[in-house]
Amino acid sequence: MVCSSCTAVWLGALAVAVYFIYKFIQGRLAQNKLDRWNNTPKDLVILHGFEAAKTMPNASPFVLKVQTYLRMANIPHKMDYADAMGPKGKAPWISINSQHIADSELIIDFLRKKFEKNLNGKYTEKEIAIASTVNVMLNEHFLWGVALERWVYGPSSRLAKVFDIPFPIRVMIGRTVNKRAKGQGMGLHTESEAVHLASKDLRYVSTILGSNKFICGDEPCELDAGIFSQLAMALWGVPDSPYEKLMNGELKNLKEYCLRMKERYWSDWDQILAKK
């Protein structure tokens, strides 16, 4: 009995020691990653993220969002694909002047102040607030409909049109997406219910956009970067999905909006895909 108790204590102590060693190594590796990006050219933004997909320059809406914002604001930048995952364990993140910022919203907030950019100047606070509400709905709700359609509901043949991903990794990502979607709430619904809810989001955006060229009017605002990136996922990131069909049919103003943003800020879109 004493020996069993001693063994349990020693095993517990060993587990604690292994945990702290693991956390120490993890921390050192994370710090080493950041240190690698501490000596970049002054005021050059290094955007860390995933490589281009087959159908679009980036199949991550948040990486595409920051890429688009950098182009809209004419901020010098360079892509890095080697260290895609940042300090918070997700992409994108940026490095600039030995500073490292993660999360697309925080990145744009930082860049706006750093480079003194105002892309919203033409519009009222109310108009920007409405655009921000659209952006949040797409980022926090519609996103999960697209993610489930891409990684959980859709067949492998559809995914292969966008990515070259081995089947075991696809399964692993699908399980992770499904788990997170359930935590968010969208994943608790049936497939038809999730598609219904996400399609409602698209219809709301279509109604708000109306005949506008951009979300607030004739000229783009800062929030168009995020809105475009989410709508682009529906148009080019999930082939043959209910969302692509909606944008090619009933909600053509959303497709025209995406094409307008693409033409204005992504003149090299086709060249990027050709390299891919």
C-alpha atoms as a PDB file:
ATOM      1  CA  MET A   1       0.000   0.000   0.000  1.00  0.00           C
ATOM      2  CA  VAL A   2       2.838   2.370   0.904  1.00  0.00           C
ATOM      3  CA  CYS A   3       4.695   1.438  -2.260  1.00  0.00           C
ATOM      4  CA  SER A   4       1.608   2.057  -4.356  1.00  0.00           C
ATOM      5  CA  SER A   5       1.188   5.482  -2.760  1.00  0.00           C
ATOM      6  CA  CYS A   6       4.844   6.318  -3.361  1.00  0.00           C
ATOM      7  CA  THR A   7       4.550   5.270  -6.991  1.00  0.00           C
ATOM      8  CA  ALA A   8       1.500   7.463  -7.466  1.00  0.00           C
ATOM      9  CA  VAL A   9       3.316  10.439  -5.927  1.00  0.00           C
ATOM     10  CA  TRP A  10       6.382   9.915  -8.084  1.00  0.00           C
ATOM     11  CA  LEU A  11       4.274   9.531 -11.232  1.00  0.00           C
ATOM     12  CA  GLY A  12       2.407  12.704 -10.358  1.00  0.00           C
ATOM     13  CA  ALA A  13       5.646  14.591  -9.791  1.00  0.00           C
ATOM     14  CA  LEU A  14       7.036  13.253 -13.077  1.00  0.00           C
ATOM     15  CA  ALA A  15       3.913  14.356 -14.956  1.00  0.00           C
ATOM     16  CA  VAL A  16       4.206  17.859 -13.502  1.00  0.00           C
ATOM     17  CA  ALA A  17       7.902  18.007 -14.397  1.00  0.00           C
ATOM     18  CA  VAL A  18       7.221  16.852 -17.973  1.00  0.00           C
ATOM     19  CA  TYR A  19       4.463  19.453 -18.312  1.00  0.00           C
ATOM     20  CA  PHE A  20       6.713  22.319 -17.217  1.00  0.00           C
ATOM     21  CA  ILE A  21       9.548  21.114 -19.445  1.00  0.00           C
ATOM     22  CA  TYR A  22       7.114  20.979 -22.357  1.00  0.00           C
ATOM     23  CA  LYS A  23       5.828  24.500 -21.631  1.00  0.00           C
ATOM     24  CA  PHE A  24       9.408  25.787 -21.342  1.00  0.00           C
ATOM     25  CA  ILE A  25      10.407  24.270 -24.684  1.00  0.00           C
ATOM     26  CA  GLN A  26       7.189  25.526 -26.278  1.00  0.00           C
ATOM     27  CA  GLY A  27       7.882  29.012 -24.964  1.00  0.00           C
ATOM     28  CA  ARG A  28      11.473  29.004 -26.198  1.00  0.00           C
ATOM     29  CA  LEU A  29      10.430  27.825 -29.653  1.00  0.00           C
ATOM     30  CA  ALA A  30       7.769  30.547 -29.807  1.00  0.00           C
ATOM     31  CA  GLN A  31      10.287  33.180 -28.731  1.00  0.00           C
ATOM     32  CA  ASN A  32      12.842  31.928 -31.267  1.00  0.00           C
ATOM     33  CA  LYS A  33      10.203  32.310 -33.980  1.00  0.00           C
ATOM     34  CA  LEU A  34       9.605  35.925 -32.991  1.00  0.00           C
ATOM     35  CA  ASP A  35      13.336  36.640 -32.710  1.00  0.00           C
ATOM     36  CA  ARG A  36      13.801  35.577 -36.328  1.00  0.00           C
ATOM     37  CA  TRP A  37      11.630  38.513 -37.384  1.00  0.00           C
ATOM     38  CA  ASN A  38      13.176  41.220 -35.214  1.00  0.00           C
ATOM     39  CA  ASN A  39      15.588  42.519 -37.859  1.00  0.00           C
ATOM     40  CA  THR A  40      13.413  43.407 -40.814  1.00  0.00           C
ATOM     41  CA  PRO A  41      13.662  46.584 -42.937  1.00  0.00           C
ATOM     42  CA  LYS A  42      12.232  49.634 -41.178  1.00  0.00           C
ATOM     43  CA  ASP A  43       8.463  50.048 -41.535  1.00  0.00           C
ATOM     44  CA  LEU A  44       8.148  47.012 -43.815  1.00  0.00           C
ATOM     45  CA  VAL A  45       5.181  44.879 -42.780  1.00  0.00           C
ATOM     46  CA  ILE A  46       5.865  41.145 -42.855  1.00  0.00           C
ATOM     47  CA  LEU A  47       2.524  39.386 -43.117  1.00  0.00           C
ATOM     48  CA  HIS A  48       2.695  35.781 -41.945  1.00  0.00           C
ATOM     49  CA  GLY A  49       0.023  33.487 -43.325  1.00  0.00           C
ATOM     50  CA  PHE A  50      -0.875  30.583 -45.570  1.00  0.00           C
ATOM     51  CA  GLU A  51       0.076  30.169 -49.209  1.00  0.00           C
ATOM     52  CA  ALA A  52      -2.323  30.806 -52.071  1.00  0.00           C
ATOM     53  CA  ALA A  53      -5.041  28.269 -52.815  1.00  0.00           C
ATOM     54  CA  LYS A  54      -5.965  27.049 -56.291  1.00  0.00           C
ATOM     55  CA  THR A  55      -8.939  29.372 -56.655  1.00  0.00           C
ATOM     56  CA  MET A  56      -7.930  32.490 -54.716  1.00  0.00           C
ATOM     57  CA  PRO A  57      -4.821  34.230 -53.320  1.00  0.00           C
ATOM     58  CA  ASN A  58      -5.672  32.980 -49.840  1.00  0.00           C
ATOM     59  CA  ALA A  59      -8.354  30.594 -48.625  1.00  0.00           C
ATOM     60  CA  SER A  60      -8.152  31.979 -45.090  1.00  0.00           C
ATOM     61  CA  PRO A  61     -10.603  34.895 -44.881  1.00  0.00           C
ATOM     62  CA  PHE A  62      -8.529  36.573 -42.190  1.00  0.00           C
ATOM     63  CA  VAL A  63      -5.259  36.410 -44.113  1.00  0.00           C
ATOM     64  CA  LEU A  64      -7.046  37.660 -47.244  1.00  0.00           C
ATOM     65  CA  LYS A  65      -8.598  40.438 -45.162  1.00  0.00           C
ATOM     66  CA  VAL A  66      -5.224  41.799 -44.025  1.00  0.00           C
ATOM     67  CA  GLN A  67      -3.715  41.347 -47.489  1.00  0.00           C
ATOM     68  CA  THR A  68      -6.577  43.362 -48.965  1.00  0.00           C
ATOM     69  CA  TYR A  69      -6.329  46.076 -46.319  1.00  0.00           C
ATOM     70  CA  LEU A  70      -2.586  46.478 -46.953  1.00  0.00           C
ATOM     71  CA  ARG A  71      -3.328  46.956 -50.642  1.00  0.00           C
ATOM     72  CA  MET A  72      -6.182  49.370 -49.964  1.00  0.00           C
ATOM     73  CA  ALA A  73      -3.979  51.470 -47.670  1.00  0.00           C
ATOM     74  CA  ASN A  74      -0.889  51.245 -49.915  1.00  0.00           C
ATOM     75  CA  ILE A  75       1.271  49.979 -47.054  1.00  0.00           C
ATOM     76  CA  PRO A  76       4.579  48.318 -48.067  1.00  0.00           C
ATOM     77  CA  HIS A  77       4.496  44.656 -47.133  1.00  0.00           C
ATOM     78  CA  LYS A  78       5.915  41.248 -47.849  1.00  0.00           C
ATOM     79  CA  MET A  79       4.364  37.801 -47.400  1.00  0.00           C
ATOM     80  CA  ASP A  80       5.950  35.064 -45.297  1.00  0.00           C
ATOM     81  CA  TYR A  81       4.626  31.528 -45.588  1.00  0.00           C
ATOM     82  CA  ALA A  82       7.227  29.722 -43.475  1.00  0.00           C
ATOM     83  CA  ASP A  83       5.921  30.892 -40.072  1.00  0.00           C
ATOM     84  CA  ALA A  84       2.206  31.031 -40.759  1.00  0.00           C
ATOM     85  CA  MET A  85       1.028  30.431 -37.195  1.00  0.00           C
ATOM     86  CA  GLY A  86       1.679  33.301 -34.809  1.00  0.00           C
ATOM     87  CA  PRO A  87       1.999  33.952 -31.075  1.00  0.00           C
ATOM     88  CA  LYS A  88      -1.698  33.179 -30.491  1.00  0.00           C
ATOM     89  CA  GLY A  89      -1.527  29.941 -32.441  1.00  0.00           C
ATOM     90  CA  LYS A  90      -3.388  31.230 -35.470  1.00  0.00           C
ATOM     91  CA  ALA A  91      -2.913  33.165 -38.710  1.00  0.00           C
ATOM     92  CA  PRO A  92      -2.397  35.889 -39.719  1.00  0.00           C
ATOM     93  CA  TRP A  93       0.113  37.842 -37.686  1.00  0.00           C
ATOM     94  CA  ILE A  94       2.540  40.581 -38.645  1.00  0.00           C
ATOM     95  CA  SER A  95       6.070  41.636 -37.779  1.00  0.00           C
ATOM     96  CA  ILE A  96       7.220  45.234 -38.080  1.00  0.00           C
ATOM     97  CA  ASN A  97      10.093  47.050 -36.394  1.00  0.00           C
ATOM     98  CA  SER A  98      10.560  44.195 -33.865  1.00  0.00           C
ATOM     99  CA  GLN A  99       6.877  44.282 -32.953  1.00  0.00           C
ATOM    100  CA  HIS A 100       4.619  41.287 -33.498  1.00  0.00           C
ATOM    101  CA  ILE A 101       0.833  41.601 -33.649  1.00  0.00           C
ATOM    102  CA  ALA A 102      -1.691  38.797 -34.059  1.00  0.00           C
ATOM    103  CA  ASP A 103      -5.415  38.819 -34.972  1.00  0.00           C
ATOM    104  CA  SER A 104      -6.662  40.504 -38.135  1.00  0.00           C
ATOM    105  CA  GLU A 105      -8.712  43.187 -36.338  1.00  0.00           C
ATOM    106  CA  LEU A 106      -5.860  44.120 -34.002  1.00  0.00           C
ATOM    107  CA  ILE A 107      -3.453  44.133 -36.941  1.00  0.00           C
ATOM    108  CA  ILE A 108      -5.603  46.591 -38.887  1.00  0.00           C
ATOM    109  CA  ASP A 109      -6.086  48.770 -35.789  1.00  0.00           C
ATOM    110  CA  PHE A 110      -2.308  48.874 -35.333  1.00  0.00           C
ATOM    111  CA  LEU A 111      -1.570  49.621 -38.988  1.00  0.00           C
ATOM    112  CA  ARG A 112      -4.181  52.373 -39.159  1.00  0.00           C
ATOM    113  CA  LYS A 113      -2.521  54.214 -36.287  1.00  0.00           C
ATOM    114  CA  LYS A 114       1.045  53.405 -37.292  1.00  0.00           C
ATOM    115  CA  PHE A 115       0.686  54.665 -40.859  1.00  0.00           C
ATOM    116  CA  GLU A 116      -2.027  57.248 -40.114  1.00  0.00           C
ATOM    117  CA  LYS A 117      -4.500  55.815 -42.593  1.00  0.00           C
ATOM    118  CA  ASN A 118      -8.146  56.867 -42.723  1.00  0.00           C
ATOM    119  CA  LEU A 119     -10.145  54.901 -45.246  1.00  0.00           C
ATOM    120  CA  ASN A 120     -13.473  55.802 -43.614  1.00  0.00           C
ATOM    121  CA  GLY A 121     -13.279  59.575 -43.910  1.00  0.00           C
ATOM    122  CA  LYS A 122     -15.998  59.946 -46.510  1.00  0.00           C
ATOM    123  CA  TYR A 123     -18.689  58.265 -44.423  1.00  0.00           C
ATOM    124  CA  THR A 124     -20.673  59.076 -41.281  1.00  0.00           C
ATOM    125  CA  GLU A 125     -20.261  57.237 -37.983  1.00  0.00           C
ATOM    126  CA  LYS A 126     -23.648  55.591 -38.521  1.00  0.00           C
ATOM    127  CA  GLU A 127     -22.678  54.304 -41.968  1.00  0.00           C
ATOM    128  CA  ILE A 128     -19.427  52.879 -40.595  1.00  0.00           C
ATOM    129  CA  ALA A 129     -21.323  51.333 -37.663  1.00  0.00           C
ATOM    130  CA  ILE A 130     -23.664  49.536 -40.086  1.00  0.00           C
ATOM    131  CA  ALA A 131     -20.677  48.300 -42.109  1.00  0.00           C
ATOM    132  CA  SER A 132     -19.011  47.126 -38.898  1.00  0.00           C
ATOM    133  CA  THR A 133     -22.138  45.179 -37.959  1.00  0.00           C
ATOM    134  CA  VAL A 134     -22.094  43.452 -41.349  1.00  0.00           C
ATOM    135  CA  ASN A 135     -18.416  42.650 -40.878  1.00  0.00           C
ATOM    136  CA  VAL A 136     -19.013  41.118 -37.430  1.00  0.00           C
ATOM    137  CA  MET A 137     -21.942  39.027 -38.670  1.00  0.00           C
ATOM    138  CA  LEU A 138     -19.843  37.597 -41.478  1.00  0.00           C
ATOM    139  CA  ASN A 139     -16.794  37.012 -39.260  1.00  0.00           C
ATOM    140  CA  GLU A 140     -18.580  35.493 -36.282  1.00  0.00           C
ATOM    141  CA  HIS A 141     -21.588  33.725 -37.826  1.00  0.00           C
ATOM    142  CA  PHE A 142     -21.480  33.262 -41.591  1.00  0.00           C
ATOM    143  CA  LEU A 143     -17.849  32.113 -41.355  1.00  0.00           C
ATOM    144  CA  TRP A 144     -18.945  28.940 -39.564  1.00  0.00           C
ATOM    145  CA  GLY A 145     -21.422  28.044 -42.276  1.00  0.00           C
ATOM    146  CA  VAL A 146     -18.645  28.259 -44.857  1.00  0.00           C
ATOM    147  CA  ALA A 147     -16.172  26.381 -42.642  1.00  0.00           C
ATOM    148  CA  LEU A 148     -18.617  23.516 -42.086  1.00  0.00           C
ATOM    149  CA  GLU A 149     -19.461  23.412 -45.789  1.00  0.00           C
ATOM    150  CA  ARG A 150     -15.781  23.279 -46.704  1.00  0.00           C
ATOM    151  CA  TRP A 151     -14.412  20.869 -44.099  1.00  0.00           C
ATOM    152  CA  VAL A 152     -17.351  18.824 -42.791  1.00  0.00           C
ATOM    153  CA  TYR A 153     -20.308  18.657 -45.188  1.00  0.00           C
ATOM    154  CA  GLY A 154     -18.639  18.879 -48.592  1.00  0.00           C
ATOM    155  CA  PRO A 155     -17.092  15.935 -50.470  1.00  0.00           C
ATOM    156  CA  SER A 156     -13.322  15.554 -50.855  1.00  0.00           C
ATOM    157  CA  SER A 157     -13.672  16.204 -54.599  1.00  0.00           C
ATOM    158  CA  ARG A 158     -14.954  19.713 -53.876  1.00  0.00           C
ATOM    159  CA  LEU A 159     -12.148  20.465 -51.434  1.00  0.00           C
ATOM    160  CA  ALA A 160      -9.572  19.241 -53.961  1.00  0.00           C
ATOM    161  CA  LYS A 161     -10.595  22.107 -56.264  1.00  0.00           C
ATOM    162  CA  VAL A 162      -9.258  24.539 -53.655  1.00  0.00           C
ATOM    163  CA  PHE A 163      -6.479  22.710 -51.770  1.00  0.00           C
ATOM    164  CA  ASP A 164      -3.986  19.904 -52.204  1.00  0.00           C
ATOM    165  CA  ILE A 165      -4.396  18.315 -48.776  1.00  0.00           C
ATOM    166  CA  PRO A 166      -3.816  14.638 -47.925  1.00  0.00           C
ATOM    167  CA  PHE A 167      -6.971  12.855 -46.784  1.00  0.00           C
ATOM    168  CA  PRO A 168      -5.786  12.183 -43.187  1.00  0.00           C
ATOM    169  CA  ILE A 169      -5.045  15.888 -42.669  1.00  0.00           C
ATOM    170  CA  ARG A 170      -8.403  16.811 -44.178  1.00  0.00           C
ATOM    171  CA  VAL A 171     -10.107  14.499 -41.680  1.00  0.00           C
ATOM    172  CA  MET A 172      -8.123  16.000 -38.792  1.00  0.00           C
ATOM    173  CA  ILE A 173      -8.982  19.569 -39.805  1.00  0.00           C
ATOM    174  CA  GLY A 174     -12.608  18.568 -40.321  1.00  0.00           C
ATOM    175  CA  ARG A 175     -12.854  17.200 -36.783  1.00  0.00           C
ATOM    176  CA  THR A 176     -11.276  20.355 -35.362  1.00  0.00           C
ATOM    177  CA  VAL A 177     -13.620  22.621 -37.336  1.00  0.00           C
ATOM    178  CA  ASN A 178     -16.636  20.548 -36.310  1.00  0.00           C
ATOM    179  CA  LYS A 179     -15.651  20.735 -32.632  1.00  0.00           C
ATOM    180  CA  ARG A 180     -15.100  24.488 -32.739  1.00  0.00           C
ATOM    181  CA  ALA A 181     -18.312  25.045 -34.694  1.00  0.00           C
ATOM    182  CA  LYS A 182     -20.227  23.201 -31.982  1.00  0.00           C
ATOM    183  CA  GLY A 183     -18.593  25.421 -29.378  1.00  0.00           C
ATOM    184  CA  GLN A 184     -19.711  28.469 -31.369  1.00  0.00           C
ATOM    185  CA  GLY A 185     -23.188  27.036 -31.880  1.00  0.00           C
ATOM    186  CA  MET A 186     -23.508  26.659 -35.662  1.00  0.00           C
ATOM    187  CA  GLY A 187     -22.168  23.102 -35.513  1.00  0.00           C
ATOM    188  CA  LEU A 188     -25.034  22.001 -33.248  1.00  0.00           C
ATOM    189  CA  HIS A 189     -27.507  22.408 -36.102  1.00  0.00           C
ATOM    190  CA  THR A 190     -28.256  19.970 -38.897  1.00  0.00           C
ATOM    191  CA  GLU A 191     -26.584  20.634 -42.241  1.00  0.00           C
ATOM    192  CA  SER A 192     -29.770  22.046 -43.754  1.00  0.00           C
ATOM    193  CA  GLU A 193     -30.307  24.320 -40.741  1.00  0.00           C
ATOM    194  CA  ALA A 194     -26.729  25.623 -40.883  1.00  0.00           C
ATOM    195  CA  VAL A 195     -27.029  26.318 -44.604  1.00  0.00           C
ATOM    196  CA  HIS A 196     -30.353  28.099 -44.004  1.00  0.00           C
ATOM    197  CA  LEU A 197     -28.872  30.350 -41.292  1.00  0.00           C
ATOM    198  CA  ALA A 198     -25.711  31.210 -43.225  1.00  0.00           C
ATOM    199  CA  SER A 199     -27.748  31.878 -46.372  1.00  0.00           C
ATOM    200  CA  LYS A 200     -29.867  34.349 -44.384  1.00  0.00           C
ATOM    201  CA  ASP A 201     -26.648  36.201 -43.550  1.00  0.00           C
ATOM    202  CA  LEU A 202     -25.839  36.520 -47.251  1.00  0.00           C
ATOM    203  CA  ARG A 203     -29.327  37.815 -48.001  1.00  0.00           C
ATOM    204  CA  TYR A 204     -29.029  40.438 -45.263  1.00  0.00           C
ATOM    205  CA  VAL A 205     -25.701  41.627 -46.671  1.00  0.00           C
ATOM    206  CA  SER A 206     -27.185  41.727 -50.163  1.00  0.00           C
ATOM    207  CA  THR A 207     -30.054  43.898 -48.918  1.00  0.00           C
ATOM    208  CA  ILE A 208     -27.722  46.293 -47.085  1.00  0.00           C
ATOM    209  CA  LEU A 209     -25.381  46.528 -50.089  1.00  0.00           C
ATOM    210  CA  GLY A 210     -28.255  47.156 -52.503  1.00  0.00           C
ATOM    211  CA  SER A 211     -27.006  49.049 -55.540  1.00  0.00           C
ATOM    212  CA  ASN A 212     -23.931  50.439 -53.761  1.00  0.00           C
ATOM    213  CA  LYS A 213     -20.579  49.782 -55.361  1.00  0.00           C
ATOM    214  CA  PHE A 214     -19.073  49.162 -51.928  1.00  0.00           C
ATOM    215  CA  ILE A 215     -20.623  48.500 -48.532  1.00  0.00           C
ATOM    216  CA  CYS A 216     -21.139  52.184 -47.652  1.00  0.00           C
ATOM    217  CA  GLY A 217     -21.364  53.799 -51.067  1.00  0.00           C
ATOM    218  CA  ASP A 218     -19.385  54.629 -54.180  1.00  0.00           C
ATOM    219  CA  GLU A 219     -15.969  54.368 -52.517  1.00  0.00           C
ATOM    220  CA  PRO A 220     -14.603  51.587 -50.300  1.00  0.00           C
ATOM    221  CA  CYS A 221     -14.083  51.965 -46.579  1.00  0.00           C
ATOM    222  CA  GLU A 222     -11.740  50.052 -44.277  1.00  0.00           C
ATOM    223  CA  LEU A 223     -14.414  47.465 -43.472  1.00  0.00           C
ATOM    224  CA  ASP A 224     -14.687  46.423 -47.100  1.00  0.00           C
ATOM    225  CA  ALA A 225     -11.463  44.470 -46.602  1.00  0.00           C
ATOM    226  CA  GLY A 226     -13.105  42.111 -44.121  1.00  0.00           C
ATOM    227  CA  ILE A 227     -16.483  41.973 -45.864  1.00  0.00           C
ATOM    228  CA  PHE A 228     -14.856  41.179 -49.193  1.00  0.00           C
ATOM    229  CA  SER A 229     -12.681  38.449 -47.671  1.00  0.00           C
ATOM    230  CA  GLN A 230     -15.691  36.593 -46.248  1.00  0.00           C
ATOM    231  CA  LEU A 231     -17.819  36.947 -49.381  1.00  0.00           C
ATOM    232  CA  ALA A 232     -14.847  35.825 -51.473  1.00  0.00           C
ATOM    233  CA  MET A 233     -14.838  32.552 -49.525  1.00  0.00           C
ATOM    234  CA  ALA A 234     -18.414  31.936 -50.642  1.00  0.00           C
ATOM    235  CA  LEU A 235     -17.712  32.838 -54.271  1.00  0.00           C
ATOM    236  CA  TRP A 236     -14.311  31.208 -54.812  1.00  0.00           C
ATOM    237  CA  GLY A 237     -13.470  29.212 -51.673  1.00  0.00           C
ATOM    238  CA  VAL A 238     -16.239  26.581 -51.576  1.00  0.00           C
ATOM    239  CA  PRO A 239     -16.955  25.474 -55.169  1.00  0.00           C
ATOM    240  CA  ASP A 240     -20.419  24.087 -55.962  1.00  0.00           C
ATOM    241  CA  SER A 241     -21.707  25.068 -52.522  1.00  0.00           C
ATOM    242  CA  PRO A 242     -25.137  26.556 -51.763  1.00  0.00           C
ATOM    243  CA  TYR A 243     -23.384  29.874 -51.087  1.00  0.00           C
ATOM    244  CA  GLU A 244     -21.625  29.997 -54.443  1.00  0.00           C
ATOM    245  CA  LYS A 245     -24.931  29.190 -56.136  1.00  0.00           C
ATOM    246  CA  LEU A 246     -26.663  32.017 -54.284  1.00  0.00           C
ATOM    247  CA  MET A 247     -24.024  34.533 -55.333  1.00  0.00           C
ATOM    248  CA  ASN A 248     -24.176  33.387 -58.934  1.00  0.00           C
ATOM    249  CA  GLY A 249     -27.979  33.549 -58.931  1.00  0.00           C
ATOM    250  CA  GLU A 250     -30.278  35.347 -56.524  1.00  0.00           C
ATOM    251  CA  LEU A 251     -27.586  37.509 -54.885  1.00  0.00           C
ATOM    252  CA  LYS A 252     -25.685  38.715 -57.931  1.00  0.00           C
ATOM    253  CA  ASN A 253     -24.963  42.091 -56.367  1.00  0.00           C
ATOM    254  CA  LEU A 254     -22.640  40.294 -53.916  1.00  0.00           C
ATOM    255  CA  LYS A 255     -20.785  38.654 -56.783  1.00  0.00           C
ATOM    256  CA  GLU A 256     -20.482  41.985 -58.591  1.00  0.00           C
ATOM    257  CA  TYR A 257     -19.177  43.530 -55.362  1.00  0.00           C
ATOM    258  CA  CYS A 258     -16.466  40.837 -55.094  1.00  0.00           C
ATOM    259  CA  LEU A 259     -15.472  41.283 -58.708  1.00  0.00           C
ATOM    260  CA  ARG A 260     -15.283  45.045 -58.159  1.00  0.00           C
ATOM    261  CA  MET A 261     -12.966  44.623 -55.157  1.00  0.00           C
ATOM    262  CA  LYS A 262     -10.888  42.069 -57.023  1.00  0.00           C
ATOM    263  CA  GLU A 263     -10.462  44.363 -60.029  1.00  0.00           C
ATOM    264  CA  ARG A 264      -9.564  47.349 -57.876  1.00  0.00           C
ATOM    265  CA  TYR A 265      -7.102  45.746 -55.456  1.00  0.00           C
ATOM    266  CA  TRP A 266      -6.102  42.391 -56.914  1.00  0.00           C
ATOM    267  CA  SER A 267      -4.944  43.078 -60.458  1.00  0.00           C
ATOM    268  CA  ASP A 268      -2.411  40.254 -60.011  1.00  0.00           C
ATOM    269  CA  TRP A 269      -5.028  37.713 -58.854  1.00  0.00           C
ATOM    270  CA  ASP A 270      -4.701  35.501 -61.949  1.00  0.00           C
ATOM    271  CA  GLN A 271      -0.900  35.693 -61.905  1.00  0.00           C
ATOM    272  CA  ILE A 272      -0.862  34.508 -58.294  1.00  0.00           C
ATOM    273  CA  LEU A 273      -3.077  31.552 -59.159  1.00  0.00           C
ATOM    274  CA  ALA A 274      -0.975  30.743 -62.223  1.00  0.00           C
ATOM    275  CA  LYS A 275       2.122  30.480 -60.007  1.00  0.00           C
ATOM    276  CA  LYS A 276       0.198  28.201 -57.662  1.00  0.00           C
END
